[in-house]
Amino acid sequence: MYPINDREYLKTCAEIASELSISLSSAKKKVEIQMSRQASKTIEEKRKIAQDILVLCKKENSKGYATAQLFDELMESLNNEDNFLVED
C-alpha cells in the first residue's frame, strides 16, 4: 500500500486544482476516477495519471479552452457503480 500523503502526488494534484480553479479534493477525485477507468493500482501509475492530467490542463488553458468542462465528464459515475458509496 502506498503512503496516503505522497508529496509528489499531492503537489501535482494541487497544481491541477490551481489550473482548474477547483479544490484539492476535487482534483484528487478526478485523478482517482481516471485511475479506475484505466484499472491502475500502483502509486507510480497514479503519479503518471496525475501528471498527464496536469499537462492536459496546462495545454488546454494555454489555448484558451475551459479545461474544467473537459473534466466534468470524469465526475460522472461509472455505469456499474451508480450506487457505490465509500465509507470513511
N, C-alpha and C. Protein backbone atom coordinates (compact mmCIF):
# COMPACT_ATOMS: atom_id res chain seq x y z
N MET A 1 0.84 -1.18 0.00
CA MET A 1 0.00 0.00 0.00
C MET A 1 0.88 1.24 0.00
N TYR A 2 0.57 2.21 -0.82
CA TYR A 2 1.36 3.43 -0.91
C TYR A 2 0.96 4.42 0.18
N PRO A 3 1.86 5.32 0.54
CA PRO A 3 1.53 6.30 1.57
C PRO A 3 0.43 7.24 1.11
N ILE A 4 -0.46 7.56 2.04
CA ILE A 4 -1.59 8.42 1.71
C ILE A 4 -1.13 9.82 1.34
N ASN A 5 -0.11 10.32 2.04
CA ASN A 5 0.36 11.68 1.81
C ASN A 5 1.63 11.70 0.96
N ASP A 6 1.57 11.14 -0.20
CA ASP A 6 2.69 11.15 -1.13
C ASP A 6 2.87 12.59 -1.63
N ARG A 7 4.00 13.19 -1.33
CA ARG A 7 4.23 14.61 -1.63
C ARG A 7 4.16 14.93 -3.13
N GLU A 8 4.78 14.12 -3.94
CA GLU A 8 4.80 14.38 -5.38
C GLU A 8 3.37 14.34 -5.95
N TYR A 9 2.61 13.34 -5.54
CA TYR A 9 1.23 13.20 -5.99
C TYR A 9 0.37 14.38 -5.52
N LEU A 10 0.52 14.75 -4.25
CA LEU A 10 -0.26 15.87 -3.71
C LEU A 10 0.11 17.20 -4.38
N LYS A 11 1.38 17.38 -4.68
CA LYS A 11 1.82 18.60 -5.36
C LYS A 11 1.21 18.68 -6.76
N THR A 12 1.23 17.57 -7.48
CA THR A 12 0.64 17.54 -8.82
C THR A 12 -0.86 17.81 -8.76
N CYS A 13 -1.54 17.20 -7.78
CA CYS A 13 -2.98 17.43 -7.63
C CYS A 13 -3.26 18.90 -7.27
N ALA A 14 -2.39 19.50 -6.47
CA ALA A 14 -2.56 20.91 -6.12
C ALA A 14 -2.41 21.80 -7.36
N GLU A 15 -1.50 21.45 -8.23
CA GLU A 15 -1.33 22.20 -9.47
C GLU A 15 -2.54 22.03 -10.39
N ILE A 16 -3.09 20.82 -10.44
CA ILE A 16 -4.32 20.58 -11.21
C ILE A 16 -5.45 21.44 -10.66
N ALA A 17 -5.59 21.44 -9.33
CA ALA A 17 -6.63 22.24 -8.69
C ALA A 17 -6.47 23.71 -9.02
N SER A 18 -5.25 24.18 -9.03
CA SER A 18 -4.99 25.58 -9.35
C SER A 18 -5.34 25.89 -10.81
N GLU A 19 -4.97 25.01 -11.70
CA GLU A 19 -5.27 25.20 -13.13
C GLU A 19 -6.76 25.22 -13.40
N LEU A 20 -7.51 24.36 -12.69
CA LEU A 20 -8.94 24.24 -12.94
C LEU A 20 -9.79 25.11 -12.01
N SER A 21 -9.15 25.76 -11.05
CA SER A 21 -9.86 26.56 -10.05
C SER A 21 -10.87 25.72 -9.28
N ILE A 22 -10.39 24.58 -8.79
CA ILE A 22 -11.23 23.67 -8.00
C ILE A 22 -10.48 23.34 -6.72
N SER A 23 -11.12 22.62 -5.82
CA SER A 23 -10.47 22.23 -4.57
C SER A 23 -9.49 21.09 -4.80
N LEU A 24 -8.59 20.92 -3.85
CA LEU A 24 -7.62 19.84 -3.92
C LEU A 24 -8.32 18.48 -3.90
N SER A 25 -9.34 18.34 -3.08
CA SER A 25 -10.04 17.06 -3.02
C SER A 25 -10.74 16.74 -4.35
N SER A 26 -11.25 17.75 -5.04
CA SER A 26 -11.86 17.53 -6.35
C SER A 26 -10.82 17.11 -7.37
N ALA A 27 -9.66 17.72 -7.31
CA ALA A 27 -8.58 17.35 -8.23
C ALA A 27 -8.14 15.91 -7.98
N LYS A 28 -8.02 15.53 -6.71
CA LYS A 28 -7.65 14.15 -6.38
C LYS A 28 -8.72 13.18 -6.85
N LYS A 29 -9.97 13.57 -6.72
CA LYS A 29 -11.08 12.72 -7.17
C LYS A 29 -11.02 12.51 -8.68
N LYS A 30 -10.69 13.56 -9.42
CA LYS A 30 -10.56 13.44 -10.88
C LYS A 30 -9.48 12.43 -11.24
N VAL A 31 -8.36 12.47 -10.53
CA VAL A 31 -7.28 11.53 -10.79
C VAL A 31 -7.73 10.11 -10.44
N GLU A 32 -8.40 9.95 -9.32
CA GLU A 32 -8.84 8.62 -8.89
C GLU A 32 -9.87 8.03 -9.85
N ILE A 33 -10.75 8.86 -10.38
CA ILE A 33 -11.73 8.37 -11.35
C ILE A 33 -11.03 7.92 -12.63
N GLN A 34 -10.05 8.71 -13.06
CA GLN A 34 -9.30 8.32 -14.26
C GLN A 34 -8.51 7.04 -13.99
N MET A 35 -8.00 6.89 -12.79
CA MET A 35 -7.30 5.65 -12.42
C MET A 35 -8.21 4.45 -12.52
N SER A 36 -9.44 4.60 -12.02
CA SER A 36 -10.37 3.47 -12.06
C SER A 36 -10.74 3.12 -13.49
N ARG A 37 -10.81 4.11 -14.35
CA ARG A 37 -11.11 3.84 -15.76
C ARG A 37 -9.99 3.08 -16.44
N GLN A 38 -8.75 3.34 -16.01
CA GLN A 38 -7.60 2.69 -16.63
C GLN A 38 -7.15 1.45 -15.86
N ALA A 39 -7.87 1.13 -14.79
CA ALA A 39 -7.56 -0.04 -13.95
C ALA A 39 -6.14 0.02 -13.42
N SER A 40 -5.69 1.21 -13.04
CA SER A 40 -4.35 1.39 -12.47
C SER A 40 -4.41 1.18 -10.97
N LYS A 41 -3.30 0.69 -10.41
CA LYS A 41 -3.30 0.39 -8.98
C LYS A 41 -2.09 0.94 -8.25
N THR A 42 -0.95 1.06 -8.87
CA THR A 42 0.26 1.46 -8.15
C THR A 42 0.36 2.97 -8.02
N ILE A 43 1.17 3.41 -7.07
CA ILE A 43 1.37 4.83 -6.86
C ILE A 43 2.08 5.47 -8.05
N GLU A 44 2.97 4.72 -8.70
CA GLU A 44 3.65 5.25 -9.88
C GLU A 44 2.65 5.55 -10.99
N GLU A 45 1.70 4.64 -11.18
CA GLU A 45 0.65 4.87 -12.18
C GLU A 45 -0.22 6.06 -11.79
N LYS A 46 -0.48 6.20 -10.50
CA LYS A 46 -1.29 7.32 -10.01
C LYS A 46 -0.58 8.64 -10.27
N ARG A 47 0.72 8.67 -9.99
CA ARG A 47 1.50 9.89 -10.28
C ARG A 47 1.51 10.21 -11.76
N LYS A 48 1.66 9.18 -12.59
CA LYS A 48 1.69 9.38 -14.05
C LYS A 48 0.37 9.93 -14.55
N ILE A 49 -0.73 9.38 -14.08
CA ILE A 49 -2.05 9.86 -14.49
C ILE A 49 -2.25 11.31 -14.06
N ALA A 50 -1.86 11.62 -12.83
CA ALA A 50 -1.98 13.00 -12.34
C ALA A 50 -1.13 13.94 -13.19
N GLN A 51 0.08 13.51 -13.53
CA GLN A 51 0.95 14.34 -14.37
C GLN A 51 0.36 14.53 -15.76
N ASP A 52 -0.22 13.47 -16.33
CA ASP A 52 -0.85 13.58 -17.64
C ASP A 52 -2.03 14.55 -17.62
N ILE A 53 -2.82 14.49 -16.56
CA ILE A 53 -3.95 15.41 -16.43
C ILE A 53 -3.45 16.84 -16.30
N LEU A 54 -2.38 17.05 -15.54
CA LEU A 54 -1.81 18.39 -15.38
C LEU A 54 -1.31 18.94 -16.71
N VAL A 55 -0.62 18.12 -17.46
CA VAL A 55 -0.12 18.55 -18.78
C VAL A 55 -1.29 18.93 -19.68
N LEU A 56 -2.34 18.12 -19.68
CA LEU A 56 -3.52 18.41 -20.49
C LEU A 56 -4.16 19.73 -20.05
N CYS A 57 -4.26 19.95 -18.74
CA CYS A 57 -4.85 21.19 -18.23
C CYS A 57 -4.05 22.40 -18.69
N LYS A 58 -2.73 22.32 -18.55
CA LYS A 58 -1.88 23.44 -18.95
C LYS A 58 -1.96 23.70 -20.45
N LYS A 59 -1.99 22.61 -21.23
CA LYS A 59 -2.08 22.75 -22.69
C LYS A 59 -3.39 23.40 -23.09
N GLU A 60 -4.48 22.93 -22.52
CA GLU A 60 -5.79 23.47 -22.86
C GLU A 60 -5.94 24.92 -22.37
N ASN A 61 -5.42 25.23 -21.19
CA ASN A 61 -5.51 26.60 -20.68
C ASN A 61 -4.68 27.56 -21.52
N SER A 62 -3.55 27.09 -22.06
CA SER A 62 -2.73 27.95 -22.91
C SER A 62 -3.43 28.24 -24.24
N LYS A 63 -4.29 27.32 -24.67
CA LYS A 63 -5.06 27.53 -25.89
C LYS A 63 -6.33 28.34 -25.65
N GLY A 64 -6.66 28.56 -24.38
CA GLY A 64 -7.85 29.33 -24.05
C GLY A 64 -9.10 28.50 -23.86
N TYR A 65 -8.97 27.17 -23.85
CA TYR A 65 -10.12 26.31 -23.64
C TYR A 65 -10.42 26.20 -22.14
N ALA A 66 -11.66 25.93 -21.83
CA ALA A 66 -12.05 25.73 -20.43
C ALA A 66 -11.84 24.26 -20.09
N THR A 67 -10.74 23.94 -19.46
CA THR A 67 -10.41 22.57 -19.11
C THR A 67 -11.42 21.98 -18.15
N ALA A 68 -12.00 22.83 -17.32
CA ALA A 68 -12.98 22.33 -16.37
C ALA A 68 -14.13 21.63 -17.08
N GLN A 69 -14.52 22.12 -18.23
CA GLN A 69 -15.60 21.49 -18.98
C GLN A 69 -15.18 20.11 -19.49
N LEU A 70 -13.91 19.98 -19.85
CA LEU A 70 -13.43 18.68 -20.33
C LEU A 70 -13.46 17.62 -19.24
N PHE A 71 -13.28 18.03 -17.99
CA PHE A 71 -13.22 17.07 -16.90
C PHE A 71 -14.53 16.89 -16.17
N ASP A 72 -15.56 17.62 -16.54
CA ASP A 72 -16.86 17.42 -15.91
C ASP A 72 -17.34 15.99 -16.10
N GLU A 73 -17.04 15.42 -17.25
CA GLU A 73 -17.47 14.05 -17.53
C GLU A 73 -16.76 13.05 -16.61
N LEU A 74 -15.59 13.40 -16.08
CA LEU A 74 -14.90 12.49 -15.17
C LEU A 74 -15.62 12.36 -13.84
N MET A 75 -16.41 13.36 -13.48
CA MET A 75 -17.12 13.32 -12.22
C MET A 75 -18.42 12.52 -12.31
N GLU A 76 -18.79 12.11 -13.50
CA GLU A 76 -19.97 11.26 -13.66
C GLU A 76 -19.63 9.85 -13.16
N SER A 77 -20.64 9.18 -12.66
CA SER A 77 -20.40 7.84 -12.14
C SER A 77 -20.19 6.86 -13.29
N LEU A 78 -19.46 5.80 -12.98
CA LEU A 78 -19.28 4.73 -13.95
C LEU A 78 -20.58 3.94 -14.04
N ASN A 79 -20.83 3.33 -15.15
CA ASN A 79 -22.10 2.64 -15.39
C ASN A 79 -22.48 1.65 -14.30
N ASN A 80 -21.54 0.85 -13.87
CA ASN A 80 -21.87 -0.20 -12.91
C ASN A 80 -21.66 0.23 -11.46
N GLU A 81 -21.36 1.48 -11.21
CA GLU A 81 -21.10 1.93 -9.85
C GLU A 81 -21.98 3.12 -9.46
N ASP A 82 -23.18 3.20 -9.98
CA ASP A 82 -24.07 4.32 -9.70
C ASP A 82 -24.42 4.45 -8.22
N ASN A 83 -24.54 3.35 -7.54
CA ASN A 83 -24.96 3.38 -6.14
C ASN A 83 -23.83 3.05 -5.17
N PHE A 84 -22.60 3.13 -5.63
CA PHE A 84 -21.45 2.79 -4.79
C PHE A 84 -21.12 3.95 -3.86
N LEU A 85 -20.94 3.65 -2.57
CA LEU A 85 -20.56 4.66 -1.58
C LEU A 85 -19.31 4.21 -0.87
N VAL A 86 -18.44 5.16 -0.58
CA VAL A 86 -17.23 4.86 0.17
C VAL A 86 -17.45 5.38 1.58
N GLU A 87 -17.22 4.53 2.56
CA GLU A 87 -17.37 4.94 3.96
C GLU A 87 -16.04 5.44 4.48
N ASP A 88 -16.10 6.43 5.34
CA ASP A 88 -14.87 6.98 5.95
C ASP A 88 -14.38 6.09 7.06
